[in-house]
Amino acid sequence: MVEYSESLDGTYQSLAHPVRRAMLHRLRRGEARVTELADPFDISLAAASKHVGQLERAGLVSRRVSGRDHWISIAPARLADAAGWLAAYRVFWEQRLDALETLVTEPADG
């Protein structure tokens, strides 16, 4: 299991914003320029760059510079850490839901 760490804090803080989640979703298809990541949103390029910077600080994306273009790609290791941390709680909730299902579907005595 993944231990609690500051990297998880940064990951979840970054994932808390819908624009950053959407940017990560877009990057699943492959690398993109910052301008491409900004296009779907009604935000300035400077704001988009700040979102990308937050994702970089959290270790969720990496940047490759080619001339004037900055290409962003997903860095999945931190996402895997976050998923591992959540997996432990998935087992907990599945057990709780199974117990609830048993309680609800068992015939009542009396």
C-alpha atoms as a PDB file:
ATOM      1  CA  MET A   1       0.000   0.000   0.000  1.00  0.00           C
ATOM      2  CA  VAL A   2       1.162   3.542  -0.661  1.00  0.00           C
ATOM      3  CA  GLU A   3       2.136   5.430   2.465  1.00  0.00           C
ATOM      4  CA  TYR A   4       0.772   8.883   3.232  1.00  0.00           C
ATOM      5  CA  SER A   5       3.095  11.511   1.816  1.00  0.00           C
ATOM      6  CA  GLU A   6       3.287  15.088   0.616  1.00  0.00           C
ATOM      7  CA  SER A   7       3.260  13.817  -2.967  1.00  0.00           C
ATOM      8  CA  LEU A   8      -0.265  12.511  -2.425  1.00  0.00           C
ATOM      9  CA  ASP A   9      -1.262  15.936  -1.087  1.00  0.00           C
ATOM     10  CA  GLY A  10       0.028  17.577  -4.259  1.00  0.00           C
ATOM     11  CA  THR A  11      -1.652  15.001  -6.454  1.00  0.00           C
ATOM     12  CA  TYR A  12      -5.063  15.381  -4.880  1.00  0.00           C
ATOM     13  CA  GLN A  13      -4.743  19.163  -4.676  1.00  0.00           C
ATOM     14  CA  SER A  14      -4.005  19.236  -8.402  1.00  0.00           C
ATOM     15  CA  LEU A  15      -6.873  16.883  -9.196  1.00  0.00           C
ATOM     16  CA  ALA A  16      -9.289  19.043  -7.196  1.00  0.00           C
ATOM     17  CA  HIS A  17      -9.661  21.552 -10.029  1.00  0.00           C
ATOM     18  CA  PRO A  18     -11.881  20.580 -12.998  1.00  0.00           C
ATOM     19  CA  VAL A  19      -9.670  22.336 -15.568  1.00  0.00           C
ATOM     20  CA  ARG A  20      -6.617  20.357 -14.462  1.00  0.00           C
ATOM     21  CA  ARG A  21      -8.596  17.095 -14.499  1.00  0.00           C
ATOM     22  CA  ALA A  22      -9.763  17.895 -18.029  1.00  0.00           C
ATOM     23  CA  MET A  23      -6.208  18.669 -19.102  1.00  0.00           C
ATOM     24  CA  LEU A  24      -5.043  15.309 -17.769  1.00  0.00           C
ATOM     25  CA  HIS A  25      -7.933  13.624 -19.535  1.00  0.00           C
ATOM     26  CA  ARG A  26      -6.850  15.243 -22.821  1.00  0.00           C
ATOM     27  CA  LEU A  27      -3.245  14.150 -22.263  1.00  0.00           C
ATOM     28  CA  ARG A  28      -4.294  10.501 -22.161  1.00  0.00           C
ATOM     29  CA  ARG A  29      -4.411  10.721 -25.978  1.00  0.00           C
ATOM     30  CA  GLY A  30      -0.815  11.971 -26.149  1.00  0.00           C
ATOM     31  CA  GLU A  31       1.276  15.055 -25.638  1.00  0.00           C
ATOM     32  CA  ALA A  32      -0.135  18.478 -26.422  1.00  0.00           C
ATOM     33  CA  ARG A  33       1.026  22.077 -26.522  1.00  0.00           C
ATOM     34  CA  VAL A  34      -0.098  24.369 -23.716  1.00  0.00           C
ATOM     35  CA  THR A  35      -2.199  26.308 -26.230  1.00  0.00           C
ATOM     36  CA  GLU A  36      -4.043  23.105 -27.173  1.00  0.00           C
ATOM     37  CA  LEU A  37      -4.722  22.360 -23.517  1.00  0.00           C
ATOM     38  CA  ALA A  38      -6.118  25.866 -23.045  1.00  0.00           C
ATOM     39  CA  ASP A  39      -8.397  25.821 -26.128  1.00  0.00           C
ATOM     40  CA  PRO A  40     -11.473  24.110 -24.612  1.00  0.00           C
ATOM     41  CA  PHE A  41     -11.668  26.575 -21.722  1.00  0.00           C
ATOM     42  CA  ASP A  42     -12.684  30.199 -21.431  1.00  0.00           C
ATOM     43  CA  ILE A  43      -9.390  31.101 -19.736  1.00  0.00           C
ATOM     44  CA  SER A  44      -6.304  33.033 -20.746  1.00  0.00           C
ATOM     45  CA  LEU A  45      -3.142  31.316 -21.893  1.00  0.00           C
ATOM     46  CA  ALA A  46      -1.490  32.624 -18.711  1.00  0.00           C
ATOM     47  CA  ALA A  47      -4.162  30.915 -16.583  1.00  0.00           C
ATOM     48  CA  ALA A  48      -3.750  27.689 -18.548  1.00  0.00           C
ATOM     49  CA  SER A  49       0.005  27.878 -17.990  1.00  0.00           C
ATOM     50  CA  LYS A  50      -0.567  28.235 -14.245  1.00  0.00           C
ATOM     51  CA  HIS A  51      -2.726  25.109 -14.276  1.00  0.00           C
ATOM     52  CA  VAL A  52      -0.028  23.238 -16.192  1.00  0.00           C
ATOM     53  CA  GLY A  53       2.543  24.510 -13.681  1.00  0.00           C
ATOM     54  CA  GLN A  54       0.481  23.112 -10.818  1.00  0.00           C
ATOM     55  CA  LEU A  55       0.303  19.758 -12.580  1.00  0.00           C
ATOM     56  CA  GLU A  56       4.077  19.861 -13.110  1.00  0.00           C
ATOM     57  CA  ARG A  57       4.789  20.657  -9.445  1.00  0.00           C
ATOM     58  CA  ALA A  58       2.622  17.704  -8.474  1.00  0.00           C
ATOM     59  CA  GLY A  59       4.604  15.462 -10.836  1.00  0.00           C
ATOM     60  CA  LEU A  60       1.530  14.635 -12.920  1.00  0.00           C
ATOM     61  CA  VAL A  61       2.881  16.006 -16.204  1.00  0.00           C
ATOM     62  CA  SER A  62       6.227  16.656 -17.816  1.00  0.00           C
ATOM     63  CA  ARG A  63       7.249  19.360 -20.261  1.00  0.00           C
ATOM     64  CA  ARG A  64       9.351  19.121 -23.413  1.00  0.00           C
ATOM     65  CA  VAL A  65      10.467  22.349 -25.061  1.00  0.00           C
ATOM     66  CA  SER A  66      10.972  22.395 -28.819  1.00  0.00           C
ATOM     67  CA  GLY A  67      11.744  25.887 -30.059  1.00  0.00           C
ATOM     68  CA  ARG A  68       8.900  28.093 -28.869  1.00  0.00           C
ATOM     69  CA  ASP A  69       6.523  25.194 -28.321  1.00  0.00           C
ATOM     70  CA  HIS A  70       6.090  23.640 -24.912  1.00  0.00           C
ATOM     71  CA  TRP A  71       4.804  20.085 -25.207  1.00  0.00           C
ATOM     72  CA  ILE A  72       3.107  18.593 -22.164  1.00  0.00           C
ATOM     73  CA  SER A  73       2.709  14.879 -21.534  1.00  0.00           C
ATOM     74  CA  ILE A  74       1.188  12.880 -18.732  1.00  0.00           C
ATOM     75  CA  ALA A  75       3.494  11.369 -16.104  1.00  0.00           C
ATOM     76  CA  PRO A  76       1.476   8.443 -14.734  1.00  0.00           C
ATOM     77  CA  ALA A  77       3.585   7.394 -11.721  1.00  0.00           C
ATOM     78  CA  ARG A  78       1.967   9.820  -9.283  1.00  0.00           C
ATOM     79  CA  LEU A  79      -1.481   8.859 -10.515  1.00  0.00           C
ATOM     80  CA  ALA A  80      -0.614   5.234  -9.826  1.00  0.00           C
ATOM     81  CA  ASP A  81       0.384   6.178  -6.261  1.00  0.00           C
ATOM     82  CA  ALA A  82      -2.942   7.957  -5.746  1.00  0.00           C
ATOM     83  CA  ALA A  83      -4.866   5.020  -7.200  1.00  0.00           C
ATOM     84  CA  GLY A  84      -3.013   2.651  -4.884  1.00  0.00           C
ATOM     85  CA  TRP A  85      -3.949   4.735  -1.870  1.00  0.00           C
ATOM     86  CA  LEU A  86      -7.610   4.770  -2.921  1.00  0.00           C
ATOM     87  CA  ALA A  87      -7.628   1.019  -3.605  1.00  0.00           C
ATOM     88  CA  ALA A  88      -7.434   0.247   0.113  1.00  0.00           C
ATOM     89  CA  TYR A  89     -10.610   2.235   0.675  1.00  0.00           C
ATOM     90  CA  ARG A  90     -12.369   0.570  -2.216  1.00  0.00           C
ATOM     91  CA  VAL A  91     -12.075  -2.770  -0.422  1.00  0.00           C
ATOM     92  CA  PHE A  92     -13.475  -1.169   2.743  1.00  0.00           C
ATOM     93  CA  TRP A  93     -16.510   0.283   0.928  1.00  0.00           C
ATOM     94  CA  GLU A  94     -17.173  -2.910  -1.025  1.00  0.00           C
ATOM     95  CA  GLN A  95     -17.278  -4.844   2.256  1.00  0.00           C
ATOM     96  CA  ARG A  96     -19.633  -2.266   3.785  1.00  0.00           C
ATOM     97  CA  LEU A  97     -21.928  -2.333   0.744  1.00  0.00           C
ATOM     98  CA  ASP A  98     -21.961  -6.140   0.763  1.00  0.00           C
ATOM     99  CA  ALA A  99     -23.008  -6.058   4.426  1.00  0.00           C
ATOM    100  CA  LEU A 100     -25.749  -3.537   3.634  1.00  0.00           C
ATOM    101  CA  GLU A 101     -26.992  -5.668   0.739  1.00  0.00           C
ATOM    102  CA  THR A 102     -27.167  -8.695   3.040  1.00  0.00           C
ATOM    103  CA  LEU A 103     -29.095  -6.683   5.628  1.00  0.00           C
ATOM    104  CA  VAL A 104     -31.555  -5.340   3.069  1.00  0.00           C
ATOM    105  CA  THR A 105     -32.189  -8.625   1.236  1.00  0.00           C
ATOM    106  CA  GLU A 106     -32.488 -10.951   4.252  1.00  0.00           C
ATOM    107  CA  PRO A 107     -36.055 -11.666   5.283  1.00  0.00           C
ATOM    108  CA  ALA A 108     -37.133  -9.916   8.459  1.00  0.00           C
ATOM    109  CA  ASP A 109     -37.745 -12.129  11.476  1.00  0.00           C
ATOM    110  CA  GLY A 110     -41.164 -12.117  12.981  1.00  0.00           C
END
